[in-house]
PDB file of N, CA and C in Angstrom:
ATOM      1  N   MET A   1       0.349  -1.123  -0.155  1.00  0.00           N
ATOM      2  CA  MET A   1       0.252   0.188   0.067  1.00  0.00           C
ATOM      3  C   MET A   1       0.632   1.400  -0.093  1.00  0.00           C
ATOM      4  N   ASP A   2       0.178   2.313  -0.590  1.00  0.00           N
ATOM      5  CA  ASP A   2       1.187   3.311  -0.964  1.00  0.00           C
ATOM      6  C   ASP A   2       1.028   4.352   0.263  1.00  0.00           C
ATOM      7  N   GLN A   3       1.991   4.823   1.153  1.00  0.00           N
ATOM      8  CA  GLN A   3       2.265   5.893   1.237  1.00  0.00           C
ATOM      9  C   GLN A   3       1.886   7.301   1.585  1.00  0.00           C
ATOM     10  N   VAL A   4       0.735   8.429   1.555  1.00  0.00           N
ATOM     11  CA  VAL A   4      -0.564   9.160   1.529  1.00  0.00           C
ATOM     12  C   VAL A   4       0.630  10.328   1.911  1.00  0.00           C
ATOM     13  N   PRO A   5       1.208  11.209   1.156  1.00  0.00           N
ATOM     14  CA  PRO A   5       1.762  12.033   1.915  1.00  0.00           C
ATOM     15  C   PRO A   5       1.086  13.541   1.838  1.00  0.00           C
ATOM     16  N   ASP A   6       2.175  14.120   2.801  1.00  0.00           N
ATOM     17  CA  ASP A   6       1.676  15.375   3.697  1.00  0.00           C
ATOM     18  C   ASP A   6       2.077  16.387   2.706  1.00  0.00           C
ATOM     19  N   TRP A   7       1.312  17.635   2.893  1.00  0.00           N
ATOM     20  CA  TRP A   7       1.581  18.412   1.953  1.00  0.00           C
ATOM     21  C   TRP A   7       1.305  20.006   2.900  1.00  0.00           C
ATOM     22  N   ILE A   8       2.022  20.876   2.497  1.00  0.00           N
ATOM     23  CA  ILE A   8       1.567  22.488   3.046  1.00  0.00           C
ATOM     24  C   ILE A   8       1.320  23.316   1.862  1.00  0.00           C
ATOM     25  N   LEU A   9      -0.006  23.648   2.010  1.00  0.00           N
ATOM     26  CA  LEU A   9      -0.329  24.862   2.049  1.00  0.00           C
ATOM     27  C   LEU A   9      -0.280  26.066   2.293  1.00  0.00           C
ATOM     28  N   ARG A  10       0.099  26.606   1.453  1.00  0.00           N
ATOM     29  CA  ARG A  10       0.324  28.579   2.386  1.00  0.00           C
ATOM     30  C   ARG A  10      -0.604  29.498   1.253  1.00  0.00           C
ATOM     31  N   ILE A  11      -1.149  29.790   1.812  1.00  0.00           N
ATOM     32  CA  ILE A  11      -2.445  30.462   1.612  1.00  0.00           C
ATOM     33  C   ILE A  11      -2.099  31.951   1.769  1.00  0.00           C
ATOM     34  N   THR A  12      -2.468  32.862   0.724  1.00  0.00           N
ATOM     35  CA  THR A  12      -2.341  34.559   1.449  1.00  0.00           C
ATOM     36  C   THR A  12      -4.188  34.668   1.158  1.00  0.00           C
ATOM     37  N   VAL A  13      -4.566  35.503   1.982  1.00  0.00           N
ATOM     38  CA  VAL A  13      -6.212  35.850   1.699  1.00  0.00           C
ATOM     39  C   VAL A  13      -6.455  37.442   1.918  1.00  0.00           C
ATOM     40  N   HIS A  14      -7.139  37.673   1.255  1.00  0.00           N
ATOM     41  CA  HIS A  14      -7.646  39.441   1.582  1.00  0.00           C
ATOM     42  C   HIS A  14      -9.143  39.040   2.342  1.00  0.00           C
ATOM     43  N   ASP A  15      -9.541  40.233   2.292  1.00  0.00           N
ATOM     44  CA  ASP A  15     -10.846  40.752   3.096  1.00  0.00           C
ATOM     45  C   ASP A  15     -10.663  40.196   5.012  1.00  0.00           C
ATOM     46  N   GLY A  16      -9.270  40.128   5.385  1.00  0.00           N
ATOM     47  CA  GLY A  16      -9.251  39.948   7.300  1.00  0.00           C
ATOM     48  C   GLY A  16      -9.869  38.702   7.685  1.00  0.00           C
ATOM     49  N   LEU A  17     -10.583  38.803   8.731  1.00  0.00           N
ATOM     50  CA  LEU A  17     -11.203  37.342   9.358  1.00  0.00           C
ATOM     51  C   LEU A  17     -12.245  36.889   8.491  1.00  0.00           C
ATOM     52  N   ASP A  18     -12.912  37.752   7.532  1.00  0.00           N
ATOM     53  CA  ASP A  18     -14.163  37.171   6.946  1.00  0.00           C
ATOM     54  C   ASP A  18     -13.713  36.114   5.591  1.00  0.00           C
ATOM     55  N   GLY A  19     -11.686  36.762   5.360  1.00  0.00           N
ATOM     56  CA  GLY A  19     -11.579  35.761   4.594  1.00  0.00           C
ATOM     57  C   GLY A  19     -11.444  34.353   4.528  1.00  0.00           C
ATOM     58  N   VAL A  20     -10.553  35.094   5.690  1.00  0.00           N
ATOM     59  CA  VAL A  20      -9.692  33.632   6.677  1.00  0.00           C
ATOM     60  C   VAL A  20     -10.987  32.467   6.489  1.00  0.00           C
ATOM     61  N   ASN A  21     -12.202  32.807   7.442  1.00  0.00           N
ATOM     62  CA  ASN A  21     -13.468  32.019   7.583  1.00  0.00           C
ATOM     63  C   ASN A  21     -13.614  31.631   6.159  1.00  0.00           C
ATOM     64  N   ARG A  22     -13.453  31.973   5.447  1.00  0.00           N
ATOM     65  CA  ARG A  22     -14.316  31.109   3.869  1.00  0.00           C
ATOM     66  C   ARG A  22     -13.070  30.346   3.841  1.00  0.00           C
ATOM     67  N   VAL A  23     -11.760  30.539   3.614  1.00  0.00           N
ATOM     68  CA  VAL A  23     -11.206  29.224   3.141  1.00  0.00           C
ATOM     69  C   VAL A  23     -11.222  28.039   4.700  1.00  0.00           C
ATOM     70  N   VAL A  24     -11.099  28.875   5.627  1.00  0.00           N
ATOM     71  CA  VAL A  24     -11.517  27.625   6.632  1.00  0.00           C
ATOM     72  C   VAL A  24     -12.751  26.720   6.579  1.00  0.00           C
ATOM     73  N   GLY A  25     -13.410  27.436   6.085  1.00  0.00           N
ATOM     74  CA  GLY A  25     -14.616  26.765   6.054  1.00  0.00           C
ATOM     75  C   GLY A  25     -15.168  25.346   4.718  1.00  0.00           C
ATOM     76  N   LEU A  26     -13.918  26.172   3.728  1.00  0.00           N
ATOM     77  CA  LEU A  26     -13.704  25.297   2.491  1.00  0.00           C
ATOM     78  C   LEU A  26     -13.031  24.094   3.003  1.00  0.00           C
ATOM     79  N   LEU A  27     -11.960  24.209   4.081  1.00  0.00           N
ATOM     80  CA  LEU A  27     -11.149  23.305   4.015  1.00  0.00           C
ATOM     81  C   LEU A  27     -12.035  22.473   5.273  1.00  0.00           C
ATOM     82  N   ARG A  28     -12.506  22.724   5.919  1.00  0.00           N
ATOM     83  CA  ARG A  28     -13.283  21.659   7.094  1.00  0.00           C
ATOM     84  C   ARG A  28     -14.151  20.917   6.449  1.00  0.00           C
ATOM     85  N   HIS A  29     -14.461  21.278   4.915  1.00  0.00           N
ATOM     86  CA  HIS A  29     -15.458  20.020   4.499  1.00  0.00           C
ATOM     87  C   HIS A  29     -14.707  19.320   3.395  1.00  0.00           C
ATOM     88  N   ARG A  30     -13.814  19.005   3.211  1.00  0.00           N
ATOM     89  CA  ARG A  30     -12.977  18.149   2.434  1.00  0.00           C
ATOM     90  C   ARG A  30     -12.732  17.051   2.923  1.00  0.00           C
ATOM     91  N   GLY A  31     -12.232  16.170   1.953  1.00  0.00           N
ATOM     92  CA  GLY A  31     -11.950  14.988   2.265  1.00  0.00           C
ATOM     93  C   GLY A  31     -10.666  13.970   2.305  1.00  0.00           C
ATOM     94  N   THR A  32     -10.039  15.204   2.948  1.00  0.00           N
ATOM     95  CA  THR A  32      -8.560  15.550   3.365  1.00  0.00           C
ATOM     96  C   THR A  32      -8.473  15.257   4.959  1.00  0.00           C
ATOM     97  N   ARG A  33      -7.111  14.904   5.679  1.00  0.00           N
ATOM     98  CA  ARG A  33      -6.785  15.231   7.214  1.00  0.00           C
ATOM     99  C   ARG A  33      -6.091  15.691   7.383  1.00  0.00           C
ATOM    100  N   PRO A  34      -6.292  16.761   7.827  1.00  0.00           N
ATOM    101  CA  PRO A  34      -5.774  17.808   8.082  1.00  0.00           C
ATOM    102  C   PRO A  34      -5.239  17.548   9.804  1.00  0.00           C
ATOM    103  N   ARG A  35      -3.752  18.557   9.269  1.00  0.00           N
ATOM    104  CA  ARG A  35      -2.539  18.102  10.628  1.00  0.00           C
ATOM    105  C   ARG A  35      -2.555  19.772  11.081  1.00  0.00           C
ATOM    106  N   SER A  36      -3.075  20.467  10.830  1.00  0.00           N
ATOM    107  CA  SER A  36      -2.943  21.453  11.157  1.00  0.00           C
ATOM    108  C   SER A  36      -3.178  22.668  10.288  1.00  0.00           C
ATOM    109  N   ILE A  37      -3.474  23.501  10.797  1.00  0.00           N
ATOM    110  CA  ILE A  37      -3.516  25.019  10.176  1.00  0.00           C
ATOM    111  C   ILE A  37      -3.482  26.760  11.350  1.00  0.00           C
ATOM    112  N   ALA A  38      -2.651  27.256  10.664  1.00  0.00           N
ATOM    113  CA  ALA A  38      -2.397  28.809  11.712  1.00  0.00           C
ATOM    114  C   ALA A  38      -2.667  29.718  10.196  1.00  0.00           C
ATOM    115  N   ALA A  39      -3.123  30.560  11.514  1.00  0.00           N
ATOM    116  CA  ALA A  39      -2.988  31.897  10.227  1.00  0.00           C
ATOM    117  C   ALA A  39      -2.631  33.306  10.774  1.00  0.00           C
ATOM    118  N   TRP A  40      -2.095  33.872  10.342  1.00  0.00           N
ATOM    119  CA  TRP A  40      -1.247  35.364  10.651  1.00  0.00           C
ATOM    120  C   TRP A  40      -1.681  36.946  10.347  1.00  0.00           C
ATOM    121  N   VAL A  41      -1.599  37.622  10.792  1.00  0.00           N
ATOM    122  CA  VAL A  41      -1.980  39.307   9.939  1.00  0.00           C
ATOM    123  C   VAL A  41      -0.725  39.328   9.031  1.00  0.00           C
ATOM    124  N   THR A  42      -0.141  39.950   7.808  1.00  0.00           N
ATOM    125  CA  THR A  42       0.883  40.596   7.671  1.00  0.00           C
ATOM    126  C   THR A  42       0.887  41.695   8.143  1.00  0.00           C
ATOM    127  N   ASN A  43       1.995  42.568   7.277  1.00  0.00           N
ATOM    128  CA  ASN A  43       1.857  43.738   7.518  1.00  0.00           C
ATOM    129  C   ASN A  43       1.302  44.633   6.574  1.00  0.00           C
ATOM    130  N   LYS A  44       0.109  44.573   5.302  1.00  0.00           N
ATOM    131  CA  LYS A  44      -0.062  44.906   4.905  1.00  0.00           C
ATOM    132  C   LYS A  44      -2.322  44.762   5.232  1.00  0.00           C
ATOM    133  N   PRO A  45      -2.338  46.137   4.971  1.00  0.00           N
ATOM    134  CA  PRO A  45      -4.233  45.695   5.560  1.00  0.00           C
ATOM    135  C   PRO A  45      -4.972  44.364   5.198  1.00  0.00           C
ATOM    136  N   ASN A  46      -6.223  44.009   5.558  1.00  0.00           N
ATOM    137  CA  ASN A  46      -6.377  43.135   5.413  1.00  0.00           C
ATOM    138  C   ASN A  46      -5.934  41.686   4.870  1.00  0.00           C
ATOM    139  N   LEU A  47      -4.524  41.935   4.903  1.00  0.00           N
ATOM    140  CA  LEU A  47      -4.067  40.855   3.830  1.00  0.00           C
ATOM    141  C   LEU A  47      -3.625  39.543   4.985  1.00  0.00           C
ATOM    142  N   TRP A  48      -4.066  38.287   5.273  1.00  0.00           N
ATOM    143  CA  TRP A  48      -3.701  37.608   6.250  1.00  0.00           C
ATOM    144  C   TRP A  48      -2.875  36.383   5.816  1.00  0.00           C
ATOM    145  N   LEU A  49      -2.278  35.772   5.973  1.00  0.00           N
ATOM    146  CA  LEU A  49      -1.342  34.734   5.618  1.00  0.00           C
ATOM    147  C   LEU A  49      -2.099  33.215   6.123  1.00  0.00           C
ATOM    148  N   LEU A  50      -1.957  31.521   5.850  1.00  0.00           N
ATOM    149  CA  LEU A  50      -3.150  30.819   6.763  1.00  0.00           C
ATOM    150  C   LEU A  50      -1.319  29.876   5.910  1.00  0.00           C
ATOM    151  N   GLU A  51      -1.876  28.794   6.679  1.00  0.00           N
ATOM    152  CA  GLU A  51      -0.715  27.968   6.423  1.00  0.00           C
ATOM    153  C   GLU A  51      -1.045  26.444   6.990  1.00  0.00           C
ATOM    154  N   HIS A  52      -1.857  25.363   5.842  1.00  0.00           N
ATOM    155  CA  HIS A  52      -2.375  24.530   6.448  1.00  0.00           C
ATOM    156  C   HIS A  52      -1.442  23.692   6.155  1.00  0.00           C
ATOM    157  N   GLN A  53      -1.559  22.566   6.950  1.00  0.00           N
ATOM    158  CA  GLN A  53      -0.594  21.117   6.337  1.00  0.00           C
ATOM    159  C   GLN A  53      -1.652  19.743   6.670  1.00  0.00           C
ATOM    160  N   LEU A  54      -1.888  18.866   6.091  1.00  0.00           N
ATOM    161  CA  LEU A  54      -2.566  18.401   5.680  1.00  0.00           C
ATOM    162  C   LEU A  54      -2.296  16.776   4.987  1.00  0.00           C
ATOM    163  N   THR A  55      -2.588  15.277   5.075  1.00  0.00           N
ATOM    164  CA  THR A  55      -2.216  14.851   4.621  1.00  0.00           C
ATOM    165  C   THR A  55      -3.370  14.061   3.829  1.00  0.00           C
ATOM    166  N   ALA A  56      -2.742  14.059   2.109  1.00  0.00           N
ATOM    167  CA  ALA A  56      -3.792  13.834   1.679  1.00  0.00           C
ATOM    168  C   ALA A  56      -3.073  13.118   0.185  1.00  0.00           C
ATOM    169  N   SER A  57      -3.584  12.662  -0.758  1.00  0.00           N
ATOM    170  CA  SER A  57      -2.879  11.881  -2.421  1.00  0.00           C
ATOM    171  C   SER A  57      -2.834  12.983  -3.055  1.00  0.00           C
ATOM    172  N   GLU A  58      -2.054  12.981  -4.018  1.00  0.00           N
ATOM    173  CA  GLU A  58      -1.550  14.008  -5.200  1.00  0.00           C
ATOM    174  C   GLU A  58      -2.435  14.962  -5.834  1.00  0.00           C
ATOM    175  N   ASP A  59      -3.700  13.776  -5.967  1.00  0.00           N
ATOM    176  CA  ASP A  59      -5.015  14.372  -6.801  1.00  0.00           C
ATOM    177  C   ASP A  59      -6.048  14.881  -5.425  1.00  0.00           C
ATOM    178  N   GLN A  60      -6.231  14.563  -4.533  1.00  0.00           N
ATOM    179  CA  GLN A  60      -6.786  14.631  -3.166  1.00  0.00           C
ATOM    180  C   GLN A  60      -5.533  16.911  -3.232  1.00  0.00           C
ATOM    181  N   ALA A  61      -4.754  16.995  -2.923  1.00  0.00           N
ATOM    182  CA  ALA A  61      -4.412  18.566  -2.531  1.00  0.00           C
ATOM    183  C   ALA A  61      -4.560  18.804  -4.242  1.00  0.00           C
ATOM    184  N   GLU A  62      -4.299  18.455  -5.519  1.00  0.00           N
ATOM    185  CA  GLU A  62      -4.453  19.228  -6.814  1.00  0.00           C
ATOM    186  C   GLU A  62      -5.978  19.932  -6.190  1.00  0.00           C
ATOM    187  N   LEU A  63      -7.325  19.375  -5.997  1.00  0.00           N
ATOM    188  CA  LEU A  63      -8.505  19.227  -6.922  1.00  0.00           C
ATOM    189  C   LEU A  63      -8.730  20.182  -5.136  1.00  0.00           C
ATOM    190  N   LEU A  64      -8.286  20.159  -4.016  1.00  0.00           N
ATOM    191  CA  LEU A  64      -8.222  21.272  -2.579  1.00  0.00           C
ATOM    192  C   LEU A  64      -7.693  22.739  -3.560  1.00  0.00           C
ATOM    193  N   HIS A  65      -6.623  22.899  -4.276  1.00  0.00           N
ATOM    194  CA  HIS A  65      -5.685  23.739  -4.969  1.00  0.00           C
ATOM    195  C   HIS A  65      -6.780  24.634  -5.636  1.00  0.00           C
ATOM    196  N   LYS A  66      -7.559  23.845  -6.589  1.00  0.00           N
ATOM    197  CA  LYS A  66      -8.295  24.472  -7.389  1.00  0.00           C
ATOM    198  C   LYS A  66      -9.335  24.772  -6.793  1.00  0.00           C
ATOM    199  N   GLN A  67     -10.222  24.174  -5.988  1.00  0.00           N
ATOM    200  CA  GLN A  67     -11.082  24.807  -5.227  1.00  0.00           C
ATOM    201  C   GLN A  67     -10.920  25.915  -4.009  1.00  0.00           C
ATOM    202  N   LEU A  68      -9.798  26.064  -3.509  1.00  0.00           N
ATOM    203  CA  LEU A  68      -9.392  27.493  -3.084  1.00  0.00           C
ATOM    204  C   LEU A  68      -9.044  28.497  -4.286  1.00  0.00           C
ATOM    205  N   GLU A  69      -8.754  28.577  -5.176  1.00  0.00           N
ATOM    206  CA  GLU A  69      -8.435  29.390  -6.360  1.00  0.00           C
ATOM    207  C   GLU A  69     -10.299  29.872  -7.018  1.00  0.00           C
ATOM    208  N   ARG A  70     -11.065  28.788  -6.735  1.00  0.00           N
ATOM    209  CA  ARG A  70     -12.243  29.578  -7.244  1.00  0.00           C
ATOM    210  C   ARG A  70     -12.592  30.370  -5.888  1.00  0.00           C
ATOM    211  N   LEU A  71     -12.041  30.859  -4.169  1.00  0.00           N
ATOM    212  CA  LEU A  71     -12.597  31.616  -3.331  1.00  0.00           C
ATOM    213  C   LEU A  71     -12.435  32.983  -4.024  1.00  0.00           C
ATOM    214  N   THR A  72     -13.395  34.069  -4.483  1.00  0.00           N
ATOM    215  CA  THR A  72     -12.355  35.760  -4.590  1.00  0.00           C
ATOM    216  C   THR A  72     -11.594  36.183  -3.651  1.00  0.00           C
ATOM    217  N   CYS A  73     -11.586  35.111  -1.857  1.00  0.00           N
ATOM    218  CA  CYS A  73     -10.757  36.272  -1.157  1.00  0.00           C
ATOM    219  C   CYS A  73      -9.349  35.798  -1.638  1.00  0.00           C
ATOM    220  N   VAL A  74      -9.207  34.449  -2.108  1.00  0.00           N
ATOM    221  CA  VAL A  74      -7.812  33.985  -1.849  1.00  0.00           C
ATOM    222  C   VAL A  74      -7.036  34.768  -3.368  1.00  0.00           C
ATOM    223  N   VAL A  75      -5.445  35.236  -2.393  1.00  0.00           N
ATOM    224  CA  VAL A  75      -4.739  36.012  -2.996  1.00  0.00           C
ATOM    225  C   VAL A  75      -3.796  35.452  -4.290  1.00  0.00           C
ATOM    226  N   THR A  76      -3.285  34.464  -3.337  1.00  0.00           N
ATOM    227  CA  THR A  76      -1.985  33.526  -3.901  1.00  0.00           C
ATOM    228  C   THR A  76      -2.208  32.032  -3.132  1.00  0.00           C
ATOM    229  N   ILE A  77      -1.625  30.805  -4.113  1.00  0.00           N
ATOM    230  CA  ILE A  77      -1.880  29.803  -2.521  1.00  0.00           C
ATOM    231  C   ILE A  77      -0.179  28.710  -3.468  1.00  0.00           C
ATOM    232  N   ASP A  78       0.298  28.949  -2.441  1.00  0.00           N
ATOM    233  CA  ASP A  78       1.950  28.229  -2.937  1.00  0.00           C
ATOM    234  C   ASP A  78       1.481  26.333  -2.183  1.00  0.00           C
ATOM    235  N   ARG A  79       1.839  25.293  -2.780  1.00  0.00           N
ATOM    236  CA  ARG A  79       1.536  24.402  -2.068  1.00  0.00           C
ATOM    237  C   ARG A  79       3.077  23.480  -2.890  1.00  0.00           C
ATOM    238  N   LYS A  80       3.232  22.563  -1.721  1.00  0.00           N
ATOM    239  CA  LYS A  80       4.257  21.662  -1.295  1.00  0.00           C
ATOM    240  C   LYS A  80       4.382  20.294  -1.304  1.00  0.00           C
ATOM    241  N   CYS A  81       4.969  19.402  -0.943  1.00  0.00           N
ATOM    242  CA  CYS A  81       4.706  18.162  -0.543  1.00  0.00           C
ATOM    243  C   CYS A  81       5.738  18.190   0.934  1.00  0.00           C
ATOM    244  N   ALA A  82       5.534  17.533   2.004  1.00  0.00           N
ATOM    245  CA  ALA A  82       6.600  17.724   3.301  1.00  0.00           C
ATOM    246  C   ALA A  82       7.271  17.538   2.845  1.00  0.00           C
ATOM    247  N   ALA A  83       8.847  17.443   3.071  1.00  0.00           N
ATOM    248  CA  ALA A  83       9.831  16.547   2.996  1.00  0.00           C
ATOM    249  C   ALA A  83      10.068  15.780   4.285  1.00  0.00           C
ATOM    250  N   GLY A  84      10.808  15.092   3.988  1.00  0.00           N
ATOM    251  CA  GLY A  84      11.801  14.420   5.607  1.00  0.00           C
ATOM    252  C   GLY A  84      10.138  13.594   6.424  1.00  0.00           C
ATOM    253  N   PRO A  85      10.388  12.784   7.428  1.00  0.00           N
ATOM    254  CA  PRO A  85      10.074  11.933   8.065  1.00  0.00           C
ATOM    255  C   PRO A  85       8.335  12.406   8.590  1.00  0.00           C
ATOM    256  N   ARG A  86       7.303  11.856   8.335  1.00  0.00           N
ATOM    257  CA  ARG A  86       6.179  11.758   8.936  1.00  0.00           C
ATOM    258  C   ARG A  86       6.061  13.162  10.430  1.00  0.00           C
ATOM    259  N   GLY A  87       5.654  13.988  10.041  1.00  0.00           N
ATOM    260  CA  GLY A  87       5.416  14.781  11.039  1.00  0.00           C
ATOM    261  C   GLY A  87       6.784  15.970  11.051  1.00  0.00           C
ATOM    262  N   ALA A  88       7.830  16.201   9.775  1.00  0.00           N
ATOM    263  CA  ALA A  88       8.503  17.008   9.959  1.00  0.00           C
ATOM    264  C   ALA A  88       8.662  17.819   9.077  1.00  0.00           C
ATOM    265  N   PHE A  89       7.657  18.444   8.457  1.00  0.00           N
ATOM    266  CA  PHE A  89       8.191  19.880   7.937  1.00  0.00           C
ATOM    267  C   PHE A  89       8.690  20.286   7.389  1.00  0.00           C
ATOM    268  N   THR A  90       9.041  21.027   6.295  1.00  0.00           N
ATOM    269  CA  THR A  90       9.889  21.908   5.691  1.00  0.00           C
ATOM    270  C   THR A  90       9.033  23.455   5.808  1.00  0.00           C
ATOM    271  N   ARG A  91       9.641  24.582   6.179  1.00  0.00           N
ATOM    272  CA  ARG A  91       9.275  25.587   6.110  1.00  0.00           C
ATOM    273  C   ARG A  91       9.514  26.672   5.487  1.00  0.00           C
ATOM    274  N   TRP A  92       9.194  27.457   4.394  1.00  0.00           N
ATOM    275  CA  TRP A  92       9.440  28.102   3.658  1.00  0.00           C
ATOM    276  C   TRP A  92      10.944  29.353   4.660  1.00  0.00           C
ATOM    277  N   GLU A  93      11.818  29.675   3.524  1.00  0.00           N
ATOM    278  CA  GLU A  93      12.954  30.578   4.210  1.00  0.00           C
ATOM    279  C   GLU A  93      12.494  31.630   4.044  1.00  0.00           C
TER     280      GLU A  93
END
């Protein structure tokens, strides 16, 4: 049986907490296994950064990426497969 990889999605969202709530609402209703989600305020007004770590197949991660792109509050999405042993996520520099 193939091991399902871990993914990291880094999502930039505008519209402040309203935008964050829309993204989290979509993430809650998908067929992936979330590991963590965190959100930070950026130095730009109404712009937030979310980091979502999840376990999903490549097809599931691609589908989630496309669904997030359809939200008008999403500005950018960066997605990468987590490296290292399970639970040891790499971070963007």
